[in-house]
Amino acid sequence: MSLAVTPEEIRQLLGEVAFAKLYGFQLLELGEGRCSLAVPFQESFERPGGIVSGPVFMAAADVAMWVAIKTRLGLGDASVTVEMKTNFLSGAKREDICCHAKLLKVGRRLIYGTAECATKDGQLLTHHTLTYIRT
């Protein structure tokens, strides 16, 4: 099956949509039902204590899942997040991270998937389960 979007379309989308642009997400890989994003470190990501704040990981997981859905349903799809569960497994300090999302099931109304954020050397930082609703 071919992708419903091209990597170029996703790069343009990430550069134009305000909530994605804010974090500087960069497309690393795109496949059917999959998306990997780079999250370049920004000082504004730090919370007291010098670690990357939780909302950065959650935003990365949500956007990676949103893009993974677009690989199946196209740019015009308007599905939205209805639930996200996040488990924080380790912290990141002043470093770039990667987020990998994959779809588990695309149903008539609900879409289920997982995402994981990790350091560039593969240390797992977070695990997320996400549910989207098709509108």
N, C-alpha and C. Protein backbone atom coordinates (compact mmCIF):
# COMPACT_ATOMS: atom_id res chain seq x y z
N MET A 1 0.85 -1.18 0.00
CA MET A 1 0.00 0.00 0.00
C MET A 1 0.90 1.24 0.00
N SER A 2 0.52 2.24 -0.77
CA SER A 2 1.31 3.47 -0.82
C SER A 2 0.83 4.45 0.24
N LEU A 3 1.71 5.36 0.61
CA LEU A 3 1.38 6.37 1.61
C LEU A 3 0.38 7.36 1.05
N ALA A 4 -0.51 7.85 1.91
CA ALA A 4 -1.50 8.85 1.52
C ALA A 4 -0.90 10.26 1.50
N VAL A 5 0.34 10.40 1.96
CA VAL A 5 1.06 11.69 1.99
C VAL A 5 2.51 11.44 1.60
N THR A 6 3.17 12.50 1.22
CA THR A 6 4.60 12.40 0.92
C THR A 6 5.40 13.00 2.06
N PRO A 7 6.66 12.61 2.20
CA PRO A 7 7.50 13.25 3.21
C PRO A 7 7.57 14.77 3.04
N GLU A 8 7.58 15.23 1.80
CA GLU A 8 7.63 16.67 1.55
C GLU A 8 6.38 17.37 2.08
N GLU A 9 5.21 16.75 1.90
CA GLU A 9 3.97 17.33 2.42
C GLU A 9 3.99 17.41 3.94
N ILE A 10 4.53 16.38 4.58
CA ILE A 10 4.60 16.37 6.05
C ILE A 10 5.60 17.41 6.54
N ARG A 11 6.73 17.53 5.88
CA ARG A 11 7.71 18.57 6.28
C ARG A 11 7.09 19.96 6.18
N GLN A 12 6.35 20.18 5.11
CA GLN A 12 5.68 21.48 4.94
C GLN A 12 4.65 21.68 6.05
N LEU A 13 3.87 20.66 6.36
CA LEU A 13 2.86 20.74 7.41
C LEU A 13 3.51 21.07 8.76
N LEU A 14 4.58 20.37 9.09
CA LEU A 14 5.27 20.61 10.37
C LEU A 14 5.83 22.02 10.46
N GLY A 15 6.20 22.59 9.33
CA GLY A 15 6.74 23.94 9.30
C GLY A 15 5.68 25.03 9.33
N GLU A 16 4.44 24.66 9.01
CA GLU A 16 3.36 25.65 8.93
C GLU A 16 2.42 25.65 10.12
N VAL A 17 2.17 24.50 10.71
CA VAL A 17 1.20 24.39 11.80
C VAL A 17 1.84 24.88 13.09
N ALA A 18 1.21 25.88 13.70
CA ALA A 18 1.81 26.58 14.84
C ALA A 18 2.19 25.64 15.99
N PHE A 19 1.32 24.71 16.37
CA PHE A 19 1.63 23.87 17.53
C PHE A 19 2.79 22.92 17.26
N ALA A 20 3.04 22.56 16.03
CA ALA A 20 4.19 21.71 15.70
C ALA A 20 5.44 22.56 15.50
N LYS A 21 5.27 23.71 14.88
CA LYS A 21 6.38 24.62 14.60
C LYS A 21 7.05 25.09 15.89
N LEU A 22 6.25 25.31 16.93
CA LEU A 22 6.74 25.78 18.22
C LEU A 22 7.86 24.89 18.77
N TYR A 23 7.73 23.59 18.57
CA TYR A 23 8.70 22.63 19.11
C TYR A 23 9.86 22.34 18.14
N GLY A 24 9.74 22.76 16.91
CA GLY A 24 10.79 22.52 15.93
C GLY A 24 10.89 21.08 15.47
N PHE A 25 9.76 20.34 15.53
CA PHE A 25 9.78 18.94 15.11
C PHE A 25 10.30 18.80 13.69
N GLN A 26 11.11 17.76 13.47
CA GLN A 26 11.66 17.47 12.15
C GLN A 26 11.36 16.02 11.80
N LEU A 27 10.91 15.80 10.59
CA LEU A 27 10.59 14.45 10.14
C LEU A 27 11.86 13.65 9.94
N LEU A 28 11.92 12.49 10.57
CA LEU A 28 13.05 11.57 10.39
C LEU A 28 12.69 10.45 9.43
N GLU A 29 11.48 9.89 9.63
CA GLU A 29 11.08 8.73 8.84
C GLU A 29 9.56 8.69 8.74
N LEU A 30 9.09 8.23 7.61
CA LEU A 30 7.65 8.12 7.36
C LEU A 30 7.40 6.79 6.68
N GLY A 31 6.44 6.04 7.18
CA GLY A 31 6.04 4.78 6.57
C GLY A 31 4.56 4.59 6.78
N GLU A 32 4.01 3.55 6.19
CA GLU A 32 2.58 3.33 6.35
C GLU A 32 2.24 3.10 7.82
N GLY A 33 1.48 4.03 8.39
CA GLY A 33 1.08 3.92 9.78
C GLY A 33 2.19 4.19 10.77
N ARG A 34 3.28 4.82 10.31
CA ARG A 34 4.42 5.09 11.18
C ARG A 34 4.97 6.49 10.92
N CYS A 35 5.53 7.07 11.97
CA CYS A 35 6.20 8.35 11.85
C CYS A 35 7.26 8.46 12.93
N SER A 36 8.44 8.94 12.54
CA SER A 36 9.50 9.24 13.50
C SER A 36 9.87 10.70 13.36
N LEU A 37 9.91 11.39 14.50
CA LEU A 37 10.24 12.81 14.53
C LEU A 37 11.48 13.04 15.39
N ALA A 38 12.29 14.01 14.98
CA ALA A 38 13.37 14.51 15.82
C ALA A 38 12.83 15.71 16.58
N VAL A 39 13.24 15.83 17.84
CA VAL A 39 12.86 16.97 18.68
C VAL A 39 14.16 17.62 19.13
N PRO A 40 14.61 18.65 18.38
CA PRO A 40 15.85 19.32 18.76
C PRO A 40 15.70 20.05 20.09
N PHE A 41 16.68 19.89 20.97
CA PHE A 41 16.62 20.52 22.29
C PHE A 41 16.52 22.05 22.17
N GLN A 42 15.69 22.64 23.02
CA GLN A 42 15.59 24.09 23.17
C GLN A 42 15.65 24.39 24.66
N GLU A 43 16.30 25.48 25.05
CA GLU A 43 16.37 25.83 26.47
C GLU A 43 14.99 26.01 27.08
N SER A 44 14.03 26.43 26.28
CA SER A 44 12.67 26.62 26.80
C SER A 44 12.02 25.30 27.20
N PHE A 45 12.60 24.17 26.83
CA PHE A 45 12.06 22.85 27.21
C PHE A 45 12.40 22.47 28.65
N GLU A 46 13.39 23.13 29.23
CA GLU A 46 13.87 22.73 30.56
C GLU A 46 12.93 23.14 31.67
N ARG A 47 12.76 22.25 32.61
CA ARG A 47 12.06 22.57 33.84
C ARG A 47 13.11 22.73 34.93
N PRO A 48 12.74 23.24 36.09
CA PRO A 48 13.73 23.35 37.17
C PRO A 48 14.40 21.99 37.42
N GLY A 49 15.69 22.03 37.57
CA GLY A 49 16.45 20.79 37.73
C GLY A 49 17.16 20.39 36.45
N GLY A 50 16.88 21.11 35.36
CA GLY A 50 17.61 20.90 34.12
C GLY A 50 17.15 19.76 33.24
N ILE A 51 15.99 19.15 33.52
CA ILE A 51 15.53 18.07 32.65
C ILE A 51 14.44 18.57 31.71
N VAL A 52 14.28 17.88 30.60
CA VAL A 52 13.26 18.23 29.62
C VAL A 52 11.89 17.98 30.24
N SER A 53 11.00 18.96 30.10
CA SER A 53 9.68 18.87 30.73
C SER A 53 8.76 17.87 30.02
N GLY A 54 7.86 17.31 30.79
CA GLY A 54 6.93 16.31 30.29
C GLY A 54 6.09 16.72 29.10
N PRO A 55 5.58 17.96 29.06
CA PRO A 55 4.76 18.35 27.91
C PRO A 55 5.48 18.26 26.57
N VAL A 56 6.81 18.34 26.56
CA VAL A 56 7.56 18.20 25.31
C VAL A 56 7.40 16.78 24.77
N PHE A 57 7.53 15.80 25.64
CA PHE A 57 7.38 14.40 25.23
C PHE A 57 5.95 14.13 24.76
N MET A 58 4.99 14.68 25.50
CA MET A 58 3.59 14.45 25.16
C MET A 58 3.23 15.10 23.82
N ALA A 59 3.75 16.30 23.58
CA ALA A 59 3.50 16.97 22.29
C ALA A 59 4.14 16.16 21.16
N ALA A 60 5.34 15.68 21.37
CA ALA A 60 6.02 14.90 20.33
C ALA A 60 5.23 13.63 20.01
N ALA A 61 4.74 12.95 21.04
CA ALA A 61 3.96 11.73 20.82
C ALA A 61 2.67 12.04 20.07
N ASP A 62 2.00 13.10 20.47
CA ASP A 62 0.73 13.47 19.84
C ASP A 62 0.94 13.84 18.37
N VAL A 63 1.95 14.64 18.09
CA VAL A 63 2.19 15.05 16.70
C VAL A 63 2.68 13.87 15.86
N ALA A 64 3.53 13.02 16.40
CA ALA A 64 3.99 11.85 15.65
C ALA A 64 2.82 10.94 15.31
N MET A 65 1.88 10.77 16.26
CA MET A 65 0.71 9.94 15.99
C MET A 65 -0.19 10.60 14.95
N TRP A 66 -0.37 11.91 15.06
CA TRP A 66 -1.17 12.68 14.11
C TRP A 66 -0.62 12.48 12.69
N VAL A 67 0.70 12.54 12.55
CA VAL A 67 1.32 12.34 11.24
C VAL A 67 1.17 10.89 10.78
N ALA A 68 1.35 9.94 11.69
CA ALA A 68 1.19 8.53 11.34
C ALA A 68 -0.22 8.27 10.78
N ILE A 69 -1.21 8.90 11.38
CA ILE A 69 -2.59 8.76 10.89
C ILE A 69 -2.70 9.32 9.47
N LYS A 70 -2.05 10.43 9.21
CA LYS A 70 -2.11 11.04 7.88
C LYS A 70 -1.49 10.14 6.82
N THR A 71 -0.57 9.26 7.19
CA THR A 71 0.01 8.34 6.21
C THR A 71 -1.04 7.37 5.68
N ARG A 72 -2.07 7.13 6.46
CA ARG A 72 -3.15 6.22 6.05
C ARG A 72 -4.37 6.95 5.52
N LEU A 73 -4.71 8.11 6.15
CA LEU A 73 -5.97 8.77 5.83
C LEU A 73 -5.82 10.08 5.06
N GLY A 74 -4.60 10.53 4.84
CA GLY A 74 -4.36 11.72 4.03
C GLY A 74 -4.33 13.02 4.81
N LEU A 75 -3.87 14.07 4.14
CA LEU A 75 -3.73 15.39 4.77
C LEU A 75 -5.05 15.97 5.23
N GLY A 76 -6.13 15.66 4.54
CA GLY A 76 -7.43 16.22 4.88
C GLY A 76 -8.10 15.60 6.09
N ASP A 77 -7.52 14.53 6.63
CA ASP A 77 -8.13 13.87 7.79
C ASP A 77 -8.16 14.81 8.98
N ALA A 78 -9.30 14.85 9.68
CA ALA A 78 -9.48 15.76 10.82
C ALA A 78 -9.58 15.02 12.15
N SER A 79 -9.05 13.81 12.24
CA SER A 79 -9.10 13.05 13.50
C SER A 79 -8.41 13.83 14.61
N VAL A 80 -8.92 13.68 15.83
CA VAL A 80 -8.36 14.40 16.98
C VAL A 80 -8.14 13.44 18.15
N THR A 81 -7.22 13.81 19.00
CA THR A 81 -6.90 13.01 20.18
C THR A 81 -8.06 13.02 21.16
N VAL A 82 -8.44 11.85 21.65
CA VAL A 82 -9.44 11.78 22.72
C VAL A 82 -8.85 11.23 24.01
N GLU A 83 -7.73 10.53 23.91
CA GLU A 83 -7.10 10.01 25.11
C GLU A 83 -5.61 9.77 24.86
N MET A 84 -4.81 10.10 25.86
CA MET A 84 -3.39 9.80 25.82
C MET A 84 -2.95 9.39 27.22
N LYS A 85 -2.26 8.28 27.29
CA LYS A 85 -1.67 7.86 28.55
C LYS A 85 -0.16 7.90 28.37
N THR A 86 0.53 8.52 29.31
CA THR A 86 1.97 8.68 29.21
C THR A 86 2.65 8.07 30.43
N ASN A 87 3.67 7.29 30.17
CA ASN A 87 4.54 6.76 31.22
C ASN A 87 5.93 7.35 31.02
N PHE A 88 6.42 8.05 32.04
CA PHE A 88 7.75 8.63 32.01
C PHE A 88 8.72 7.62 32.60
N LEU A 89 9.67 7.18 31.81
CA LEU A 89 10.57 6.10 32.21
C LEU A 89 11.96 6.58 32.61
N SER A 90 12.38 7.69 32.01
CA SER A 90 13.70 8.24 32.29
C SER A 90 13.69 9.70 31.87
N GLY A 91 14.66 10.47 32.34
CA GLY A 91 14.73 11.88 32.00
C GLY A 91 15.78 12.17 30.95
N ALA A 92 15.59 13.29 30.26
CA ALA A 92 16.58 13.76 29.28
C ALA A 92 17.08 15.12 29.75
N LYS A 93 18.36 15.35 29.61
CA LYS A 93 18.96 16.63 29.99
C LYS A 93 19.67 17.24 28.80
N ARG A 94 19.21 18.43 28.40
CA ARG A 94 19.88 19.22 27.37
C ARG A 94 20.30 18.39 26.17
N GLU A 95 19.38 17.58 25.65
CA GLU A 95 19.72 16.74 24.50
C GLU A 95 18.53 16.62 23.55
N ASP A 96 18.84 16.36 22.30
CA ASP A 96 17.80 16.10 21.32
C ASP A 96 17.17 14.75 21.64
N ILE A 97 15.91 14.61 21.28
CA ILE A 97 15.23 13.33 21.44
C ILE A 97 14.55 12.95 20.13
N CYS A 98 14.12 11.71 20.05
CA CYS A 98 13.38 11.20 18.90
C CYS A 98 12.07 10.63 19.41
N CYS A 99 11.04 10.71 18.58
CA CYS A 99 9.76 10.11 18.94
C CYS A 99 9.28 9.26 17.77
N HIS A 100 8.91 8.03 18.07
CA HIS A 100 8.48 7.07 17.06
C HIS A 100 7.04 6.66 17.38
N ALA A 101 6.14 6.85 16.42
CA ALA A 101 4.73 6.49 16.61
C ALA A 101 4.32 5.45 15.58
N LYS A 102 3.40 4.57 15.99
CA LYS A 102 2.86 3.60 15.04
C LYS A 102 1.39 3.35 15.35
N LEU A 103 0.65 3.16 14.29
CA LEU A 103 -0.77 2.85 14.42
C LEU A 103 -0.93 1.37 14.74
N LEU A 104 -1.85 1.08 15.65
CA LEU A 104 -2.17 -0.31 15.96
C LEU A 104 -3.46 -0.74 15.29
N LYS A 105 -4.44 0.18 15.24
CA LYS A 105 -5.73 -0.13 14.62
C LYS A 105 -6.39 1.16 14.14
N VAL A 106 -6.85 1.13 12.90
CA VAL A 106 -7.65 2.23 12.36
C VAL A 106 -9.05 1.68 12.16
N GLY A 107 -9.94 2.08 13.07
CA GLY A 107 -11.32 1.62 12.99
C GLY A 107 -12.21 2.64 12.30
N ARG A 108 -13.50 2.32 12.26
CA ARG A 108 -14.45 3.25 11.63
C ARG A 108 -14.55 4.56 12.39
N ARG A 109 -14.47 4.51 13.73
CA ARG A 109 -14.59 5.72 14.55
C ARG A 109 -13.34 6.04 15.34
N LEU A 110 -12.64 5.01 15.83
CA LEU A 110 -11.48 5.22 16.69
C LEU A 110 -10.21 4.70 16.05
N ILE A 111 -9.11 5.36 16.38
CA ILE A 111 -7.78 4.98 15.91
C ILE A 111 -6.91 4.80 17.16
N TYR A 112 -6.21 3.68 17.22
CA TYR A 112 -5.36 3.38 18.37
C TYR A 112 -3.90 3.30 17.92
N GLY A 113 -3.01 3.77 18.80
CA GLY A 113 -1.59 3.67 18.48
C GLY A 113 -0.72 3.86 19.70
N THR A 114 0.57 3.69 19.48
CA THR A 114 1.56 3.90 20.54
C THR A 114 2.65 4.82 20.02
N ALA A 115 3.34 5.44 20.95
CA ALA A 115 4.50 6.26 20.62
C ALA A 115 5.53 6.08 21.73
N GLU A 116 6.78 6.21 21.35
CA GLU A 116 7.87 6.16 22.32
C GLU A 116 8.86 7.26 22.01
N CYS A 117 9.34 7.91 23.05
CA CYS A 117 10.39 8.91 22.92
C CYS A 117 11.67 8.31 23.50
N ALA A 118 12.77 8.60 22.82
CA ALA A 118 14.06 8.04 23.24
C ALA A 118 15.17 9.04 22.93
N THR A 119 16.30 8.83 23.57
CA THR A 119 17.49 9.62 23.24
C THR A 119 17.99 9.15 21.87
N LYS A 120 18.90 9.91 21.29
CA LYS A 120 19.44 9.53 19.98
C LYS A 120 20.18 8.19 20.03
N ASP A 121 20.70 7.82 21.21
CA ASP A 121 21.39 6.53 21.31
C ASP A 121 20.44 5.40 21.72
N GLY A 122 19.14 5.68 21.77
CA GLY A 122 18.14 4.62 21.97
C GLY A 122 17.63 4.42 23.38
N GLN A 123 18.07 5.22 24.35
CA GLN A 123 17.56 5.05 25.71
C GLN A 123 16.09 5.48 25.75
N LEU A 124 15.22 4.57 26.15
CA LEU A 124 13.79 4.84 26.20
C LEU A 124 13.47 5.83 27.32
N LEU A 125 12.74 6.90 26.95
CA LEU A 125 12.40 7.95 27.91
C LEU A 125 10.93 7.92 28.30
N THR A 126 10.05 7.70 27.31
CA THR A 126 8.61 7.68 27.57
C THR A 126 7.93 6.65 26.69
N HIS A 127 6.78 6.20 27.18
CA HIS A 127 5.90 5.31 26.39
C HIS A 127 4.50 5.90 26.47
N HIS A 128 3.83 5.99 25.32
CA HIS A 128 2.50 6.61 25.24
C HIS A 128 1.55 5.66 24.52
N THR A 129 0.30 5.64 24.98
CA THR A 129 -0.78 5.03 24.22
C THR A 129 -1.76 6.13 23.89
N LEU A 130 -2.22 6.13 22.65
CA LEU A 130 -3.09 7.22 22.18
C LEU A 130 -4.32 6.67 21.48
N THR A 131 -5.42 7.38 21.66
CA THR A 131 -6.66 7.10 20.95
C THR A 131 -7.11 8.39 20.28
N TYR A 132 -7.43 8.28 19.02
CA TYR A 132 -7.97 9.40 18.25
C TYR A 132 -9.38 9.04 17.82
N ILE A 133 -10.20 10.04 17.59
CA ILE A 133 -11.53 9.81 17.04
C ILE A 133 -11.58 10.43 15.66
N ARG A 134 -12.18 9.70 14.74
CA ARG A 134 -12.34 10.20 13.38
C ARG A 134 -13.56 11.12 13.36
N THR A 135 -13.36 12.33 12.85
CA THR A 135 -14.48 13.28 12.80
C THR A 135 -15.01 13.46 11.40
